[in-house]
């Protein structure tokens, strides 16, 4: 499940749901064929390598696509960020110098638009050289734990000729994970970032619960209630 369908963060995670064979699984929760939305080619290849016995126990879970507008990066950015500071001109220039020609062109094009644009910068090592990659599609890259400086995302604000950069704030990271603004975060930046980078996106898990887990639980609770009622009638 990719969090991009629920929040402005590209975050793919594999969820495996196992159900005891003695339980009832409603027909509405599964199908005979994989869904392009939830079952990528790598999963289908893994399924094809299973034994016939394992395939017989397999269920392709069926979930509706989420509805409603997904927020963009612009929606979750703090106007007055807490817990972080804006970079100096020299620090921003250093980040720009780490960009390839392709990424520098993205910044120039954003400046030419003449509109306020919010993007993210992520540092990666390419061919032994550390590069800064930027995106302005309204989606942040996958949050990670702060094991090193390159694992922390940087926000870039482009307003015509004006460029400003800084680390993403803890509250912005929390919003990318679908947490409400009243969710209490650790006071230290690295502690908060570690908590968030090591977590799962709340709306993703909520969707999995409502589409798969809750229907299975309800079906089996109804089955128990029906069986209990039948036993009582027999005793009567």
C-alpha atoms as a PDB file:
ATOM      1  CA  UNK A   1       0.000   0.000   0.000  1.00  0.00           C
ATOM      2  CA  UNK A   2       1.427   3.363  -1.033  1.00  0.00           C
ATOM      3  CA  UNK A   3       0.711   6.206   1.381  1.00  0.00           C
ATOM      4  CA  UNK A   4       0.548   8.606  -1.582  1.00  0.00           C
ATOM      5  CA  UNK A   5      -3.140   7.637  -1.965  1.00  0.00           C
ATOM      6  CA  UNK A   6      -3.798   8.959   1.545  1.00  0.00           C
ATOM      7  CA  UNK A   7      -1.161  11.590   2.365  1.00  0.00           C
ATOM      8  CA  UNK A   8       1.461  13.665   0.492  1.00  0.00           C
ATOM      9  CA  UNK A   9       4.211  11.110   1.062  1.00  0.00           C
ATOM     10  CA  UNK A  10       5.528   8.428  -1.264  1.00  0.00           C
ATOM     11  CA  UNK A  11       5.742   5.498   1.152  1.00  0.00           C
ATOM     12  CA  UNK A  12       5.233   1.915  -0.023  1.00  0.00           C
ATOM     13  CA  UNK A  13       4.727  -0.724   2.647  1.00  0.00           C
ATOM     14  CA  UNK A  14       3.792  -4.403   2.466  1.00  0.00           C
ATOM     15  CA  UNK A  15       1.004  -5.543   4.803  1.00  0.00           C
ATOM     16  CA  UNK A  16       0.314  -9.256   5.212  1.00  0.00           C
ATOM     17  CA  UNK A  17      -3.041 -10.206   6.728  1.00  0.00           C
ATOM     18  CA  UNK A  18      -3.397 -13.767   7.977  1.00  0.00           C
ATOM     19  CA  UNK A  19      -6.731 -15.196   9.116  1.00  0.00           C
ATOM     20  CA  UNK A  20      -7.199 -18.401  11.105  1.00  0.00           C
ATOM     21  CA  UNK A  21      -8.727 -21.111   8.919  1.00  0.00           C
ATOM     22  CA  UNK A  22     -11.532 -21.611  11.447  1.00  0.00           C
ATOM     23  CA  UNK A  23     -12.810 -18.068  10.988  1.00  0.00           C
ATOM     24  CA  UNK A  24     -15.322 -16.805   8.462  1.00  0.00           C
ATOM     25  CA  UNK A  25     -13.930 -14.536   5.754  1.00  0.00           C
ATOM     26  CA  UNK A  26     -16.677 -12.460   4.068  1.00  0.00           C
ATOM     27  CA  UNK A  27     -16.758 -12.637   0.272  1.00  0.00           C
ATOM     28  CA  UNK A  28     -16.704  -8.833   0.159  1.00  0.00           C
ATOM     29  CA  UNK A  29     -13.135  -8.763   1.467  1.00  0.00           C
ATOM     30  CA  UNK A  30     -11.429 -10.846  -1.219  1.00  0.00           C
ATOM     31  CA  UNK A  31     -11.476 -11.737  -4.886  1.00  0.00           C
ATOM     32  CA  UNK A  32     -10.090 -14.397  -7.213  1.00  0.00           C
ATOM     33  CA  UNK A  33      -7.811 -11.992  -9.059  1.00  0.00           C
ATOM     34  CA  UNK A  34      -5.127  -9.513  -7.932  1.00  0.00           C
ATOM     35  CA  UNK A  35      -5.904  -5.813  -8.068  1.00  0.00           C
ATOM     36  CA  UNK A  36      -3.529  -3.494  -9.953  1.00  0.00           C
ATOM     37  CA  UNK A  37      -4.074  -0.908  -7.210  1.00  0.00           C
ATOM     38  CA  UNK A  38      -2.875  -3.086  -4.325  1.00  0.00           C
ATOM     39  CA  UNK A  39      -0.994  -6.068  -5.789  1.00  0.00           C
ATOM     40  CA  UNK A  40       2.170  -5.145  -7.742  1.00  0.00           C
ATOM     41  CA  UNK A  41       3.930  -7.483 -10.123  1.00  0.00           C
ATOM     42  CA  UNK A  42       6.483  -8.524  -7.494  1.00  0.00           C
ATOM     43  CA  UNK A  43       3.677  -9.868  -5.286  1.00  0.00           C
ATOM     44  CA  UNK A  44       2.112 -11.780  -8.167  1.00  0.00           C
ATOM     45  CA  UNK A  45       5.504 -13.354  -8.953  1.00  0.00           C
ATOM     46  CA  UNK A  46       5.841 -14.408  -5.304  1.00  0.00           C
ATOM     47  CA  UNK A  47       2.356 -15.959  -5.419  1.00  0.00           C
ATOM     48  CA  UNK A  48       3.227 -17.908  -8.565  1.00  0.00           C
ATOM     49  CA  UNK A  49       6.143 -19.538  -6.711  1.00  0.00           C
ATOM     50  CA  UNK A  50       3.884 -20.920  -3.972  1.00  0.00           C
ATOM     51  CA  UNK A  51       2.878 -24.571  -3.740  1.00  0.00           C
ATOM     52  CA  UNK A  52      -0.630 -25.626  -4.759  1.00  0.00           C
ATOM     53  CA  UNK A  53      -1.543 -26.076  -1.099  1.00  0.00           C
ATOM     54  CA  UNK A  54      -0.365 -22.562  -0.272  1.00  0.00           C
ATOM     55  CA  UNK A  55      -2.172 -21.117  -3.281  1.00  0.00           C
ATOM     56  CA  UNK A  56      -5.394 -22.780  -2.139  1.00  0.00           C
ATOM     57  CA  UNK A  57      -5.169 -20.898   1.157  1.00  0.00           C
ATOM     58  CA  UNK A  58      -4.314 -17.588  -0.513  1.00  0.00           C
ATOM     59  CA  UNK A  59      -6.786 -14.689  -0.658  1.00  0.00           C
ATOM     60  CA  UNK A  60      -6.418 -11.620  -2.829  1.00  0.00           C
ATOM     61  CA  UNK A  61      -7.696  -8.956  -0.469  1.00  0.00           C
ATOM     62  CA  UNK A  62     -10.088  -6.513  -2.080  1.00  0.00           C
ATOM     63  CA  UNK A  63     -10.189  -2.894  -1.001  1.00  0.00           C
ATOM     64  CA  UNK A  64     -11.829   0.174  -2.478  1.00  0.00           C
ATOM     65  CA  UNK A  65      -9.609   3.074  -3.430  1.00  0.00           C
ATOM     66  CA  UNK A  66      -9.781   5.919  -0.909  1.00  0.00           C
ATOM     67  CA  UNK A  67     -12.040   8.790  -1.858  1.00  0.00           C
ATOM     68  CA  UNK A  68     -11.646  12.481  -1.222  1.00  0.00           C
ATOM     69  CA  UNK A  69      -8.915  14.989  -1.897  1.00  0.00           C
ATOM     70  CA  UNK A  70      -5.422  14.082  -0.753  1.00  0.00           C
ATOM     71  CA  UNK A  71      -3.477  16.982   0.743  1.00  0.00           C
ATOM     72  CA  UNK A  72      -0.360  18.211  -0.998  1.00  0.00           C
ATOM     73  CA  UNK A  73       2.957  19.254   0.476  1.00  0.00           C
ATOM     74  CA  UNK A  74       1.807  22.884   0.330  1.00  0.00           C
ATOM     75  CA  UNK A  75      -1.080  22.027   2.698  1.00  0.00           C
ATOM     76  CA  UNK A  76       1.078  20.611   5.481  1.00  0.00           C
ATOM     77  CA  UNK A  77       3.950  23.122   5.544  1.00  0.00           C
ATOM     78  CA  UNK A  78       4.191  25.290   8.656  1.00  0.00           C
ATOM     79  CA  UNK A  79       4.430  29.029   8.021  1.00  0.00           C
ATOM     80  CA  UNK A  80       6.365  29.395  11.261  1.00  0.00           C
ATOM     81  CA  UNK A  81       8.128  26.041  11.752  1.00  0.00           C
ATOM     82  CA  UNK A  82       9.066  24.933  15.243  1.00  0.00           C
ATOM     83  CA  UNK A  83      12.089  22.855  16.118  1.00  0.00           C
ATOM     84  CA  UNK A  84      14.053  23.803  12.991  1.00  0.00           C
ATOM     85  CA  UNK A  85      15.816  26.874  11.621  1.00  0.00           C
ATOM     86  CA  UNK A  86      16.099  28.268   8.134  1.00  0.00           C
ATOM     87  CA  UNK A  87      19.415  27.578   6.440  1.00  0.00           C
ATOM     88  CA  UNK A  88      21.897  30.339   5.832  1.00  0.00           C
ATOM     89  CA  UNK A  89      22.495  31.545   2.279  1.00  0.00           C
ATOM     90  CA  UNK A  90      25.743  29.570   2.220  1.00  0.00           C
ATOM     91  CA  UNK A  91      23.994  26.359   3.325  1.00  0.00           C
ATOM     92  CA  UNK A  92      21.328  26.769   0.651  1.00  0.00           C
ATOM     93  CA  UNK A  93      24.001  27.440  -1.965  1.00  0.00           C
ATOM     94  CA  UNK A  94      25.829  24.283  -0.879  1.00  0.00           C
ATOM     95  CA  UNK A  95      22.682  22.219  -1.438  1.00  0.00           C
ATOM     96  CA  UNK A  96      22.198  23.713  -4.903  1.00  0.00           C
ATOM     97  CA  UNK A  97      25.801  22.899  -5.774  1.00  0.00           C
ATOM     98  CA  UNK A  98      25.115  19.235  -4.987  1.00  0.00           C
ATOM     99  CA  UNK A  99      22.348  19.049  -7.603  1.00  0.00           C
ATOM    100  CA  UNK A 100      22.785  17.505 -11.016  1.00  0.00           C
ATOM    101  CA  UNK A 101      21.915  19.523 -14.109  1.00  0.00           C
ATOM    102  CA  UNK A 102      18.491  17.868 -14.226  1.00  0.00           C
ATOM    103  CA  UNK A 103      17.661  18.827 -10.654  1.00  0.00           C
ATOM    104  CA  UNK A 104      19.020  22.363 -10.985  1.00  0.00           C
ATOM    105  CA  UNK A 105      16.753  22.769 -14.007  1.00  0.00           C
ATOM    106  CA  UNK A 106      13.763  21.844 -11.839  1.00  0.00           C
ATOM    107  CA  UNK A 107      14.609  24.695  -9.462  1.00  0.00           C
ATOM    108  CA  UNK A 108      15.061  27.164 -12.335  1.00  0.00           C
ATOM    109  CA  UNK A 109      11.733  26.159 -13.860  1.00  0.00           C
ATOM    110  CA  UNK A 110      10.037  26.620 -10.488  1.00  0.00           C
ATOM    111  CA  UNK A 111      11.521  30.121 -10.275  1.00  0.00           C
ATOM    112  CA  UNK A 112      10.334  30.975 -13.784  1.00  0.00           C
ATOM    113  CA  UNK A 113       6.747  30.104 -12.888  1.00  0.00           C
ATOM    114  CA  UNK A 114       6.728  33.128 -10.584  1.00  0.00           C
ATOM    115  CA  UNK A 115       4.542  31.320  -8.058  1.00  0.00           C
ATOM    116  CA  UNK A 116       5.314  30.181  -4.534  1.00  0.00           C
ATOM    117  CA  UNK A 117       6.341  26.537  -4.726  1.00  0.00           C
ATOM    118  CA  UNK A 118       7.231  24.047  -2.024  1.00  0.00           C
ATOM    119  CA  UNK A 119       9.489  21.104  -2.736  1.00  0.00           C
ATOM    120  CA  UNK A 120      11.626  18.580  -0.925  1.00  0.00           C
ATOM    121  CA  UNK A 121      15.317  17.824  -1.252  1.00  0.00           C
ATOM    122  CA  UNK A 122      16.730  14.411  -0.475  1.00  0.00           C
ATOM    123  CA  UNK A 123      20.439  13.662  -0.445  1.00  0.00           C
ATOM    124  CA  UNK A 124      21.539  10.419  -2.088  1.00  0.00           C
ATOM    125  CA  UNK A 125      24.853   8.913  -3.128  1.00  0.00           C
ATOM    126  CA  UNK A 126      25.108   8.449  -6.890  1.00  0.00           C
ATOM    127  CA  UNK A 127      28.243   6.857  -8.355  1.00  0.00           C
ATOM    128  CA  UNK A 128      30.113   7.576  -5.138  1.00  0.00           C
ATOM    129  CA  UNK A 129      29.088  11.256  -5.137  1.00  0.00           C
ATOM    130  CA  UNK A 130      26.506  12.745  -2.796  1.00  0.00           C
ATOM    131  CA  UNK A 131      23.756  14.412  -4.787  1.00  0.00           C
ATOM    132  CA  UNK A 132      20.763  16.531  -3.824  1.00  0.00           C
ATOM    133  CA  UNK A 133      17.569  15.494  -5.606  1.00  0.00           C
ATOM    134  CA  UNK A 134      14.569  17.832  -5.630  1.00  0.00           C
ATOM    135  CA  UNK A 135      10.889  17.302  -6.388  1.00  0.00           C
ATOM    136  CA  UNK A 136       8.055  19.816  -6.801  1.00  0.00           C
ATOM    137  CA  UNK A 137       5.135  17.427  -7.391  1.00  0.00           C
ATOM    138  CA  UNK A 138       3.483  18.167  -4.046  1.00  0.00           C
ATOM    139  CA  UNK A 139       4.645  14.829  -2.616  1.00  0.00           C
ATOM    140  CA  UNK A 140       7.430  14.240  -0.104  1.00  0.00           C
ATOM    141  CA  UNK A 141       9.814  11.327  -0.336  1.00  0.00           C
ATOM    142  CA  UNK A 142       9.584   8.464   2.139  1.00  0.00           C
ATOM    143  CA  UNK A 143      10.391   9.507   5.701  1.00  0.00           C
ATOM    144  CA  UNK A 144      13.193   7.496   7.288  1.00  0.00           C
ATOM    145  CA  UNK A 145      14.800   7.295  10.690  1.00  0.00           C
ATOM    146  CA  UNK A 146      17.572   9.882  11.267  1.00  0.00           C
ATOM    147  CA  UNK A 147      20.496   7.473  11.060  1.00  0.00           C
ATOM    148  CA  UNK A 148      22.503  10.090   9.179  1.00  0.00           C
ATOM    149  CA  UNK A 149      22.272  13.576   7.745  1.00  0.00           C
ATOM    150  CA  UNK A 150      21.208  12.257   4.348  1.00  0.00           C
ATOM    151  CA  UNK A 151      18.171  10.509   5.837  1.00  0.00           C
ATOM    152  CA  UNK A 152      16.482  13.763   6.847  1.00  0.00           C
ATOM    153  CA  UNK A 153      14.442  15.573   4.233  1.00  0.00           C
ATOM    154  CA  UNK A 154      14.951  19.228   3.420  1.00  0.00           C
ATOM    155  CA  UNK A 155      12.198  21.645   2.485  1.00  0.00           C
ATOM    156  CA  UNK A 156      12.851  24.143  -0.313  1.00  0.00           C
ATOM    157  CA  UNK A 157      10.645  27.196  -0.777  1.00  0.00           C
ATOM    158  CA  UNK A 158      10.831  28.887  -4.181  1.00  0.00           C
ATOM    159  CA  UNK A 159       9.273  32.338  -4.489  1.00  0.00           C
ATOM    160  CA  UNK A 160      10.538  33.786  -7.751  1.00  0.00           C
ATOM    161  CA  UNK A 161      14.225  34.599  -7.288  1.00  0.00           C
ATOM    162  CA  UNK A 162      14.018  33.930  -3.550  1.00  0.00           C
ATOM    163  CA  UNK A 163      15.144  30.482  -2.385  1.00  0.00           C
ATOM    164  CA  UNK A 164      14.951  29.246   1.200  1.00  0.00           C
ATOM    165  CA  UNK A 165      15.766  25.815   2.599  1.00  0.00           C
ATOM    166  CA  UNK A 166      15.557  24.052   5.954  1.00  0.00           C
ATOM    167  CA  UNK A 167      14.991  20.631   7.436  1.00  0.00           C
ATOM    168  CA  UNK A 168      11.420  19.399   7.545  1.00  0.00           C
ATOM    169  CA  UNK A 169       9.911  20.162  10.950  1.00  0.00           C
ATOM    170  CA  UNK A 170       8.684  17.453  13.349  1.00  0.00           C
ATOM    171  CA  UNK A 171       5.075  18.638  12.993  1.00  0.00           C
ATOM    172  CA  UNK A 172       5.284  18.590   9.205  1.00  0.00           C
ATOM    173  CA  UNK A 173       6.673  15.058   9.356  1.00  0.00           C
ATOM    174  CA  UNK A 174       3.814  14.079  11.662  1.00  0.00           C
ATOM    175  CA  UNK A 175       1.323  15.472   9.156  1.00  0.00           C
ATOM    176  CA  UNK A 176       2.943  13.400   6.419  1.00  0.00           C
ATOM    177  CA  UNK A 177       2.216  10.354   8.592  1.00  0.00           C
ATOM    178  CA  UNK A 178      -1.430  11.352   8.893  1.00  0.00           C
ATOM    179  CA  UNK A 179      -1.231  12.305  12.570  1.00  0.00           C
ATOM    180  CA  UNK A 180      -3.442  15.095  13.958  1.00  0.00           C
ATOM    181  CA  UNK A 181      -1.858  18.318  15.157  1.00  0.00           C
ATOM    182  CA  UNK A 182      -2.726  17.540  18.773  1.00  0.00           C
ATOM    183  CA  UNK A 183      -0.575  14.397  18.685  1.00  0.00           C
ATOM    184  CA  UNK A 184       2.211  14.891  21.235  1.00  0.00           C
ATOM    185  CA  UNK A 185       5.711  14.591  19.818  1.00  0.00           C
ATOM    186  CA  UNK A 186       9.056  14.134  21.610  1.00  0.00           C
ATOM    187  CA  UNK A 187      10.789  17.423  22.335  1.00  0.00           C
ATOM    188  CA  UNK A 188      14.111  16.488  20.705  1.00  0.00           C
ATOM    189  CA  UNK A 189      14.175  16.704  16.910  1.00  0.00           C
ATOM    190  CA  UNK A 190      15.904  13.367  16.334  1.00  0.00           C
ATOM    191  CA  UNK A 191      13.580  11.576  18.762  1.00  0.00           C
ATOM    192  CA  UNK A 192      10.510  12.909  16.973  1.00  0.00           C
ATOM    193  CA  UNK A 193      11.923  12.154  13.543  1.00  0.00           C
ATOM    194  CA  UNK A 194      12.901   8.631  14.598  1.00  0.00           C
ATOM    195  CA  UNK A 195       9.406   7.980  15.937  1.00  0.00           C
ATOM    196  CA  UNK A 196       7.790   9.156  12.709  1.00  0.00           C
ATOM    197  CA  UNK A 197      10.263   7.628  10.273  1.00  0.00           C
ATOM    198  CA  UNK A 198       9.859   4.231  11.921  1.00  0.00           C
ATOM    199  CA  UNK A 199       6.049   4.284  11.880  1.00  0.00           C
ATOM    200  CA  UNK A 200       3.172   3.565   9.527  1.00  0.00           C
ATOM    201  CA  UNK A 201       0.836   6.130   7.978  1.00  0.00           C
ATOM    202  CA  UNK A 202      -2.325   6.308  10.069  1.00  0.00           C
ATOM    203  CA  UNK A 203      -4.890   6.676   7.225  1.00  0.00           C
ATOM    204  CA  UNK A 204      -3.338   3.667   5.464  1.00  0.00           C
ATOM    205  CA  UNK A 205      -3.816   1.398   8.472  1.00  0.00           C
ATOM    206  CA  UNK A 206      -7.279   2.850   9.106  1.00  0.00           C
ATOM    207  CA  UNK A 207      -8.278   1.981   5.528  1.00  0.00           C
ATOM    208  CA  UNK A 208      -6.922  -1.552   5.898  1.00  0.00           C
ATOM    209  CA  UNK A 209      -8.876  -1.931   9.118  1.00  0.00           C
ATOM    210  CA  UNK A 210     -12.180  -0.671   7.708  1.00  0.00           C
ATOM    211  CA  UNK A 211     -11.933  -2.624   4.439  1.00  0.00           C
ATOM    212  CA  UNK A 212     -10.532  -5.962   5.667  1.00  0.00           C
ATOM    213  CA  UNK A 213     -10.104  -6.379   9.424  1.00  0.00           C
ATOM    214  CA  UNK A 214     -13.406  -4.955  10.695  1.00  0.00           C
ATOM    215  CA  UNK A 215     -15.625  -6.892   8.237  1.00  0.00           C
ATOM    216  CA  UNK A 216     -13.906 -10.145   9.275  1.00  0.00           C
ATOM    217  CA  UNK A 217     -14.298  -9.364  12.987  1.00  0.00           C
ATOM    218  CA  UNK A 218     -17.956  -8.366  12.564  1.00  0.00           C
ATOM    219  CA  UNK A 219     -18.775 -11.471  10.516  1.00  0.00           C
ATOM    220  CA  UNK A 220     -17.352 -13.762  13.195  1.00  0.00           C
ATOM    221  CA  UNK A 221     -18.995 -11.873  16.063  1.00  0.00           C
ATOM    222  CA  UNK A 222     -22.342 -12.210  14.282  1.00  0.00           C
ATOM    223  CA  UNK A 223     -21.640 -15.894  13.746  1.00  0.00           C
ATOM    224  CA  UNK A 224     -20.965 -16.402  17.458  1.00  0.00           C
ATOM    225  CA  UNK A 225     -24.101 -14.488  18.403  1.00  0.00           C
ATOM    226  CA  UNK A 226     -26.173 -16.576  16.001  1.00  0.00           C
ATOM    227  CA  UNK A 227     -24.719 -19.847  17.345  1.00  0.00           C
ATOM    228  CA  UNK A 228     -25.351 -18.795  20.952  1.00  0.00           C
ATOM    229  CA  UNK A 229     -28.933 -17.876  20.127  1.00  0.00           C
ATOM    230  CA  UNK A 230     -29.448 -21.259  18.446  1.00  0.00           C
ATOM    231  CA  UNK A 231     -28.137 -23.125  21.489  1.00  0.00           C
ATOM    232  CA  UNK A 232     -30.450 -21.166  23.784  1.00  0.00           C
ATOM    233  CA  UNK A 233     -33.474 -21.985  21.646  1.00  0.00           C
ATOM    234  CA  UNK A 234     -32.583 -25.700  21.708  1.00  0.00           C
ATOM    235  CA  UNK A 235     -32.286 -25.662  25.501  1.00  0.00           C
ATOM    236  CA  UNK A 236     -35.607 -23.855  25.807  1.00  0.00           C
END
